[in-house]
Amino acid sequence: MDAYIGTIIPFGFDYPPIDWAQCQGQTLQVSQNQALYAVIGNYYGGTPP
Protein backbone atom coordinates (compact mmCIF):
# COMPACT_ATOMS: atom_id res chain seq x y z
CA MET A 1 0.00 0.00 0.00
CA ASP A 2 1.46 3.34 -1.02
CA ALA A 3 0.89 6.40 1.15
CA TYR A 4 2.67 9.57 2.17
CA ILE A 5 5.13 9.26 5.05
CA GLY A 6 3.36 10.19 8.28
CA THR A 7 -0.11 9.23 7.04
CA ILE A 8 -2.45 7.91 9.74
CA ILE A 9 -5.07 5.45 8.50
CA PRO A 10 -7.48 3.37 10.62
CA PHE A 11 -7.49 -0.35 9.83
CA GLY A 12 -10.04 -2.96 10.87
CA PHE A 13 -7.46 -5.34 12.32
CA ASP A 14 -5.03 -5.26 15.25
CA TYR A 15 -1.70 -5.31 13.41
CA PRO A 16 -0.08 -2.87 10.99
CA PRO A 17 0.52 -3.72 7.33
CA ILE A 18 4.11 -4.51 6.31
CA ASP A 19 6.38 -1.44 6.64
CA TRP A 20 3.79 0.47 8.72
CA ALA A 21 3.91 1.30 12.45
CA GLN A 22 1.04 1.42 14.91
CA CYS A 23 0.16 4.79 16.43
CA GLN A 24 0.27 3.96 20.14
CA GLY A 25 1.91 7.06 21.56
CA GLN A 26 5.28 5.36 21.64
CA THR A 27 8.61 7.10 21.14
CA LEU A 28 10.39 6.14 17.92
CA GLN A 29 14.14 6.30 17.36
CA VAL A 30 15.05 9.09 14.94
CA SER A 31 17.96 7.02 13.63
CA GLN A 32 15.52 4.29 12.57
CA ASN A 33 12.83 6.68 11.26
CA GLN A 34 14.76 9.48 9.55
CA ALA A 35 12.23 10.02 6.75
CA LEU A 36 9.36 10.37 9.23
CA TYR A 37 11.41 12.76 11.38
CA ALA A 38 12.19 14.85 8.28
CA VAL A 39 8.43 15.28 7.74
CA ILE A 40 7.10 15.89 11.28
CA GLY A 41 10.20 16.68 13.35
CA ASN A 42 9.30 17.35 17.00
CA TYR A 43 5.82 18.64 16.20
CA TYR A 44 4.13 15.96 18.33
CA GLY A 45 6.74 15.97 21.10
CA GLY A 46 10.12 14.42 21.64
CA THR A 47 13.55 15.94 21.67
CA PRO A 48 15.86 16.78 18.79
CA PRO A 49 18.38 14.05 17.92
C-alpha atoms as a PDB file:
ATOM      1  CA  MET A   1       0.000   0.000   0.000  1.00  0.00           C
ATOM      2  CA  ASP A   2       1.464   3.341  -1.023  1.00  0.00           C
ATOM      3  CA  ALA A   3       0.888   6.401   1.149  1.00  0.00           C
ATOM      4  CA  TYR A   4       2.667   9.566   2.165  1.00  0.00           C
ATOM      5  CA  ILE A   5       5.127   9.264   5.049  1.00  0.00           C
ATOM      6  CA  GLY A   6       3.358  10.190   8.284  1.00  0.00           C
ATOM      7  CA  THR A   7      -0.110   9.231   7.040  1.00  0.00           C
ATOM      8  CA  ILE A   8      -2.450   7.913   9.737  1.00  0.00           C
ATOM      9  CA  ILE A   9      -5.071   5.449   8.498  1.00  0.00           C
ATOM     10  CA  PRO A  10      -7.475   3.371  10.619  1.00  0.00           C
ATOM     11  CA  PHE A  11      -7.487  -0.349   9.825  1.00  0.00           C
ATOM     12  CA  GLY A  12     -10.037  -2.957  10.866  1.00  0.00           C
ATOM     13  CA  PHE A  13      -7.459  -5.336  12.324  1.00  0.00           C
ATOM     14  CA  ASP A  14      -5.033  -5.257  15.251  1.00  0.00           C
ATOM     15  CA  TYR A  15      -1.697  -5.306  13.410  1.00  0.00           C
ATOM     16  CA  PRO A  16      -0.075  -2.867  10.994  1.00  0.00           C
ATOM     17  CA  PRO A  17       0.517  -3.721   7.331  1.00  0.00           C
ATOM     18  CA  ILE A  18       4.111  -4.506   6.311  1.00  0.00           C
ATOM     19  CA  ASP A  19       6.382  -1.441   6.645  1.00  0.00           C
ATOM     20  CA  TRP A  20       3.788   0.466   8.720  1.00  0.00           C
ATOM     21  CA  ALA A  21       3.910   1.296  12.447  1.00  0.00           C
ATOM     22  CA  GLN A  22       1.043   1.415  14.910  1.00  0.00           C
ATOM     23  CA  CYS A  23       0.160   4.795  16.431  1.00  0.00           C
ATOM     24  CA  GLN A  24       0.265   3.962  20.136  1.00  0.00           C
ATOM     25  CA  GLY A  25       1.909   7.064  21.563  1.00  0.00           C
ATOM     26  CA  GLN A  26       5.283   5.357  21.636  1.00  0.00           C
ATOM     27  CA  THR A  27       8.611   7.098  21.139  1.00  0.00           C
ATOM     28  CA  LEU A  28      10.390   6.143  17.921  1.00  0.00           C
ATOM     29  CA  GLN A  29      14.142   6.296  17.357  1.00  0.00           C
ATOM     30  CA  VAL A  30      15.051   9.090  14.940  1.00  0.00           C
ATOM     31  CA  SER A  31      17.962   7.017  13.630  1.00  0.00           C
ATOM     32  CA  GLN A  32      15.519   4.286  12.567  1.00  0.00           C
ATOM     33  CA  ASN A  33      12.825   6.683  11.263  1.00  0.00           C
ATOM     34  CA  GLN A  34      14.756   9.478   9.554  1.00  0.00           C
ATOM     35  CA  ALA A  35      12.233  10.024   6.747  1.00  0.00           C
ATOM     36  CA  LEU A  36       9.363  10.373   9.233  1.00  0.00           C
ATOM     37  CA  TYR A  37      11.414  12.759  11.376  1.00  0.00           C
ATOM     38  CA  ALA A  38      12.185  14.855   8.283  1.00  0.00           C
ATOM     39  CA  VAL A  39       8.434  15.283   7.742  1.00  0.00           C
ATOM     40  CA  ILE A  40       7.101  15.889  11.284  1.00  0.00           C
ATOM     41  CA  GLY A  41      10.204  16.679  13.346  1.00  0.00           C
ATOM     42  CA  ASN A  42       9.295  17.348  17.003  1.00  0.00           C
ATOM     43  CA  TYR A  43       5.815  18.636  16.200  1.00  0.00           C
ATOM     44  CA  TYR A  44       4.130  15.957  18.332  1.00  0.00           C
ATOM     45  CA  GLY A  45       6.737  15.969  21.101  1.00  0.00           C
ATOM     46  CA  GLY A  46      10.115  14.424  21.643  1.00  0.00           C
ATOM     47  CA  THR A  47      13.548  15.939  21.672  1.00  0.00           C
ATOM     48  CA  PRO A  48      15.864  16.778  18.789  1.00  0.00           C
ATOM     49  CA  PRO A  49      18.378  14.051  17.917  1.00  0.00           C
END
